[in-house]
Amino acid sequence: MSDAADKEPVDQETAAPEAVVPEAVVPEAVVPEAVVPEVDAEHAAHLPAQADDLNTPVIAVVGFVSAILTFAIVVGLQAGYHQYANYLHNDSKVAKPGSDASAAIIASQRATMNDYGWVNKQEGKVALPIDRAMQLVVNEYSTKAK
């Protein structure tokens, strides 16, 4: 028998009021909808595990071919850059040995090195032949050493 059947009926008017204990109010956790996705009943069933469908040999071949192609492109770009740099360097800015321009420049430099002349007449600076200038420097330092 149940306990409810054993109790006698209580007269509501004469019975002492029972103390009403308020239930504890627990706020529900606020969770954004983006975090908890809705699940349809149709899709709620668990799917069996499936094998990976990756084709590993094809991935390896594509990676290897990509690496070789990248290497070839880098080497080709470097070769093209060096060829273009050599083209710019060998342009007409450089006097070629044996040409009329280089011969004239060399003759002018030899004349400057082997002749007397004024570098700046107002300051009293003169140009001497290189052999004479070296001889004067040696004589000057040898007299100071004594």
C-alpha atoms as a PDB file:
ATOM      1  CA  MET A   1       0.000   0.000   0.000  1.00  0.00           C
ATOM      2  CA  SER A   2       1.030   3.455  -0.617  1.00  0.00           C
ATOM      3  CA  ASP A   3       1.590   6.142   1.917  1.00  0.00           C
ATOM      4  CA  ALA A   4      -0.964   8.438   0.275  1.00  0.00           C
ATOM      5  CA  ALA A   5      -3.772   5.923   0.957  1.00  0.00           C
ATOM      6  CA  ASP A   6      -2.824   5.617   4.640  1.00  0.00           C
ATOM      7  CA  LYS A   7      -3.190   9.336   5.298  1.00  0.00           C
ATOM      8  CA  GLU A   8      -6.510  10.668   6.335  1.00  0.00           C
ATOM      9  CA  PRO A   9      -8.071  13.484   4.391  1.00  0.00           C
ATOM     10  CA  VAL A  10      -7.249  16.904   5.839  1.00  0.00           C
ATOM     11  CA  ASP A  11      -9.806  19.636   6.138  1.00  0.00           C
ATOM     12  CA  GLN A  12      -8.430  22.608   4.268  1.00  0.00           C
ATOM     13  CA  GLU A  13     -10.081  25.195   6.496  1.00  0.00           C
ATOM     14  CA  THR A  14      -8.933  23.777   9.832  1.00  0.00           C
ATOM     15  CA  ALA A  15      -5.517  22.559   8.778  1.00  0.00           C
ATOM     16  CA  ALA A  16      -2.469  24.608   9.590  1.00  0.00           C
ATOM     17  CA  PRO A  17      -0.987  26.236   6.570  1.00  0.00           C
ATOM     18  CA  GLU A  18       2.181  24.606   5.464  1.00  0.00           C
ATOM     19  CA  ALA A  19       5.167  26.811   4.940  1.00  0.00           C
ATOM     20  CA  VAL A  20       5.785  27.459   1.287  1.00  0.00           C
ATOM     21  CA  VAL A  21       9.420  27.170   0.439  1.00  0.00           C
ATOM     22  CA  PRO A  22      10.276  29.015  -2.717  1.00  0.00           C
ATOM     23  CA  GLU A  23      12.273  27.040  -5.195  1.00  0.00           C
ATOM     24  CA  ALA A  24      15.766  28.250  -5.800  1.00  0.00           C
ATOM     25  CA  VAL A  25      15.920  30.282  -8.949  1.00  0.00           C
ATOM     26  CA  VAL A  26      18.863  29.153 -11.052  1.00  0.00           C
ATOM     27  CA  PRO A  27      19.455  31.314 -14.080  1.00  0.00           C
ATOM     28  CA  GLU A  28      19.878  29.382 -17.286  1.00  0.00           C
ATOM     29  CA  ALA A  29      23.224  29.637 -18.911  1.00  0.00           C
ATOM     30  CA  VAL A  30      23.156  32.022 -21.815  1.00  0.00           C
ATOM     31  CA  VAL A  31      24.761  30.300 -24.776  1.00  0.00           C
ATOM     32  CA  PRO A  32      24.916  31.962 -28.161  1.00  0.00           C
ATOM     33  CA  GLU A  33      23.078  30.121 -30.880  1.00  0.00           C
ATOM     34  CA  ALA A  34      26.213  29.886 -32.996  1.00  0.00           C
ATOM     35  CA  VAL A  35      27.873  27.706 -30.377  1.00  0.00           C
ATOM     36  CA  VAL A  36      25.025  25.219 -30.003  1.00  0.00           C
ATOM     37  CA  PRO A  37      23.767  24.233 -33.451  1.00  0.00           C
ATOM     38  CA  GLU A  38      20.309  22.861 -33.863  1.00  0.00           C
ATOM     39  CA  VAL A  39      20.177  19.172 -34.729  1.00  0.00           C
ATOM     40  CA  ASP A  40      17.447  17.721 -36.898  1.00  0.00           C
ATOM     41  CA  ALA A  41      15.956  14.438 -35.747  1.00  0.00           C
ATOM     42  CA  GLU A  42      16.807  12.891 -39.124  1.00  0.00           C
ATOM     43  CA  HIS A  43      20.474  13.720 -38.813  1.00  0.00           C
ATOM     44  CA  ALA A  44      20.844  12.903 -35.142  1.00  0.00           C
ATOM     45  CA  ALA A  45      21.753   9.267 -35.804  1.00  0.00           C
ATOM     46  CA  HIS A  46      25.421   8.399 -35.561  1.00  0.00           C
ATOM     47  CA  LEU A  47      27.139   7.537 -38.813  1.00  0.00           C
ATOM     48  CA  PRO A  48      29.511   4.595 -38.957  1.00  0.00           C
ATOM     49  CA  ALA A  49      33.217   5.330 -39.292  1.00  0.00           C
ATOM     50  CA  GLN A  50      34.411   5.558 -42.872  1.00  0.00           C
ATOM     51  CA  ALA A  51      37.815   4.877 -44.354  1.00  0.00           C
ATOM     52  CA  ASP A  52      39.879   7.778 -45.681  1.00  0.00           C
ATOM     53  CA  ASP A  53      39.442   8.348 -49.385  1.00  0.00           C
ATOM     54  CA  LEU A  54      42.870   9.968 -49.838  1.00  0.00           C
ATOM     55  CA  ASN A  55      44.893   8.826 -52.789  1.00  0.00           C
ATOM     56  CA  THR A  56      48.351   9.059 -51.245  1.00  0.00           C
ATOM     57  CA  PRO A  57      50.423   8.131 -54.334  1.00  0.00           C
ATOM     58  CA  VAL A  58      48.749  10.858 -56.405  1.00  0.00           C
ATOM     59  CA  ILE A  59      49.352  13.416 -53.647  1.00  0.00           C
ATOM     60  CA  ALA A  60      53.022  12.398 -53.461  1.00  0.00           C
ATOM     61  CA  VAL A  61      53.481  12.667 -57.237  1.00  0.00           C
ATOM     62  CA  VAL A  62      51.792  16.089 -57.379  1.00  0.00           C
ATOM     63  CA  GLY A  63      53.993  17.330 -54.516  1.00  0.00           C
ATOM     64  CA  PHE A  64      57.170  16.026 -56.157  1.00  0.00           C
ATOM     65  CA  VAL A  65      56.311  17.516 -59.569  1.00  0.00           C
ATOM     66  CA  SER A  66      55.435  20.832 -57.917  1.00  0.00           C
ATOM     67  CA  ALA A  67      58.787  20.925 -56.118  1.00  0.00           C
ATOM     68  CA  ILE A  68      60.700  20.189 -59.351  1.00  0.00           C
ATOM     69  CA  LEU A  69      58.706  22.805 -61.252  1.00  0.00           C
ATOM     70  CA  THR A  70      59.338  25.429 -58.552  1.00  0.00           C
ATOM     71  CA  PHE A  71      63.073  24.657 -58.617  1.00  0.00           C
ATOM     72  CA  ALA A  72      63.170  24.953 -62.425  1.00  0.00           C
ATOM     73  CA  ILE A  73      61.364  28.306 -62.333  1.00  0.00           C
ATOM     74  CA  VAL A  74      63.764  29.714 -59.732  1.00  0.00           C
ATOM     75  CA  VAL A  75      66.831  28.570 -61.679  1.00  0.00           C
ATOM     76  CA  GLY A  76      65.389  29.995 -64.911  1.00  0.00           C
ATOM     77  CA  LEU A  77      64.670  33.364 -63.316  1.00  0.00           C
ATOM     78  CA  GLN A  78      68.185  33.539 -61.889  1.00  0.00           C
ATOM     79  CA  ALA A  79      69.734  32.697 -65.268  1.00  0.00           C
ATOM     80  CA  GLY A  80      67.611  35.353 -66.969  1.00  0.00           C
ATOM     81  CA  TYR A  81      68.546  37.955 -64.369  1.00  0.00           C
ATOM     82  CA  HIS A  82      72.273  37.243 -64.694  1.00  0.00           C
ATOM     83  CA  GLN A  83      72.100  37.334 -68.482  1.00  0.00           C
ATOM     84  CA  TYR A  84      70.312  40.705 -68.384  1.00  0.00           C
ATOM     85  CA  ALA A  85      72.785  42.075 -65.806  1.00  0.00           C
ATOM     86  CA  ASN A  86      75.724  41.031 -68.005  1.00  0.00           C
ATOM     87  CA  TYR A  87      74.053  42.669 -70.994  1.00  0.00           C
ATOM     88  CA  LEU A  88      73.710  45.941 -69.094  1.00  0.00           C
ATOM     89  CA  HIS A  89      77.270  45.730 -67.770  1.00  0.00           C
ATOM     90  CA  ASN A  90      78.760  45.078 -71.208  1.00  0.00           C
ATOM     91  CA  ASP A  91      76.894  47.982 -72.746  1.00  0.00           C
ATOM     92  CA  SER A  92      78.746  50.851 -74.413  1.00  0.00           C
ATOM     93  CA  LYS A  93      79.570  52.425 -71.031  1.00  0.00           C
ATOM     94  CA  VAL A  94      82.774  50.385 -70.805  1.00  0.00           C
ATOM     95  CA  ALA A  95      85.620  51.158 -73.202  1.00  0.00           C
ATOM     96  CA  LYS A  96      86.718  48.003 -74.934  1.00  0.00           C
ATOM     97  CA  PRO A  97      90.461  47.230 -74.940  1.00  0.00           C
ATOM     98  CA  GLY A  98      92.103  48.143 -78.229  1.00  0.00           C
ATOM     99  CA  SER A  99      89.397  50.609 -79.222  1.00  0.00           C
ATOM    100  CA  ASP A 100      90.125  54.214 -80.173  1.00  0.00           C
ATOM    101  CA  ALA A 101      88.424  55.515 -77.001  1.00  0.00           C
ATOM    102  CA  SER A 102      90.527  53.388 -74.656  1.00  0.00           C
ATOM    103  CA  ALA A 103      93.741  54.227 -76.506  1.00  0.00           C
ATOM    104  CA  ALA A 104      93.024  57.942 -76.198  1.00  0.00           C
ATOM    105  CA  ILE A 105      92.248  57.641 -72.491  1.00  0.00           C
ATOM    106  CA  ILE A 106      95.418  55.667 -71.783  1.00  0.00           C
ATOM    107  CA  ALA A 107      97.557  58.138 -73.769  1.00  0.00           C
ATOM    108  CA  SER A 108      96.064  61.045 -71.808  1.00  0.00           C
ATOM    109  CA  GLN A 109      96.767  59.322 -68.474  1.00  0.00           C
ATOM    110  CA  ARG A 110     100.374  58.517 -69.457  1.00  0.00           C
ATOM    111  CA  ALA A 111     100.945  62.110 -70.505  1.00  0.00           C
ATOM    112  CA  THR A 112      99.635  63.321 -67.150  1.00  0.00           C
ATOM    113  CA  MET A 113     101.858  60.883 -65.247  1.00  0.00           C
ATOM    114  CA  ASN A 114     105.070  61.707 -67.168  1.00  0.00           C
ATOM    115  CA  ASP A 115     104.904  65.498 -67.680  1.00  0.00           C
ATOM    116  CA  TYR A 116     105.341  68.586 -65.545  1.00  0.00           C
ATOM    117  CA  GLY A 117     102.401  70.965 -65.313  1.00  0.00           C
ATOM    118  CA  TRP A 118     100.152  73.056 -63.113  1.00  0.00           C
ATOM    119  CA  VAL A 119      97.352  71.399 -61.168  1.00  0.00           C
ATOM    120  CA  ASN A 120      96.266  74.708 -59.594  1.00  0.00           C
ATOM    121  CA  LYS A 121      98.413  77.749 -60.342  1.00  0.00           C
ATOM    122  CA  GLN A 122      96.705  79.980 -57.740  1.00  0.00           C
ATOM    123  CA  GLU A 123      97.409  77.505 -54.917  1.00  0.00           C
ATOM    124  CA  GLY A 124     100.857  76.661 -56.219  1.00  0.00           C
ATOM    125  CA  LYS A 125     100.187  72.966 -56.877  1.00  0.00           C
ATOM    126  CA  VAL A 126     102.205  71.351 -59.648  1.00  0.00           C
ATOM    127  CA  ALA A 127     102.139  67.975 -61.371  1.00  0.00           C
ATOM    128  CA  LEU A 128     105.396  65.996 -61.528  1.00  0.00           C
ATOM    129  CA  PRO A 129     106.264  62.833 -63.364  1.00  0.00           C
ATOM    130  CA  ILE A 130     105.568  59.867 -61.118  1.00  0.00           C
ATOM    131  CA  ASP A 131     109.218  58.746 -61.008  1.00  0.00           C
ATOM    132  CA  ARG A 132     110.406  62.217 -59.898  1.00  0.00           C
ATOM    133  CA  ALA A 133     107.629  62.413 -57.220  1.00  0.00           C
ATOM    134  CA  MET A 134     108.627  59.026 -55.769  1.00  0.00           C
ATOM    135  CA  GLN A 135     112.282  60.113 -55.655  1.00  0.00           C
ATOM    136  CA  LEU A 136     111.417  63.334 -53.789  1.00  0.00           C
ATOM    137  CA  VAL A 137     109.303  61.445 -51.217  1.00  0.00           C
ATOM    138  CA  VAL A 138     112.109  58.946 -50.565  1.00  0.00           C
ATOM    139  CA  ASN A 139     114.666  61.759 -50.133  1.00  0.00           C
ATOM    140  CA  GLU A 140     112.356  63.684 -47.790  1.00  0.00           C
ATOM    141  CA  TYR A 141     111.746  60.701 -45.491  1.00  0.00           C
ATOM    142  CA  SER A 142     115.378  59.578 -45.508  1.00  0.00           C
ATOM    143  CA  THR A 143     116.559  63.024 -44.287  1.00  0.00           C
ATOM    144  CA  LYS A 144     113.952  63.025 -41.510  1.00  0.00           C
ATOM    145  CA  ALA A 145     115.104  59.591 -40.320  1.00  0.00           C
ATOM    146  CA  LYS A 146     118.710  60.798 -39.804  1.00  0.00           C
END
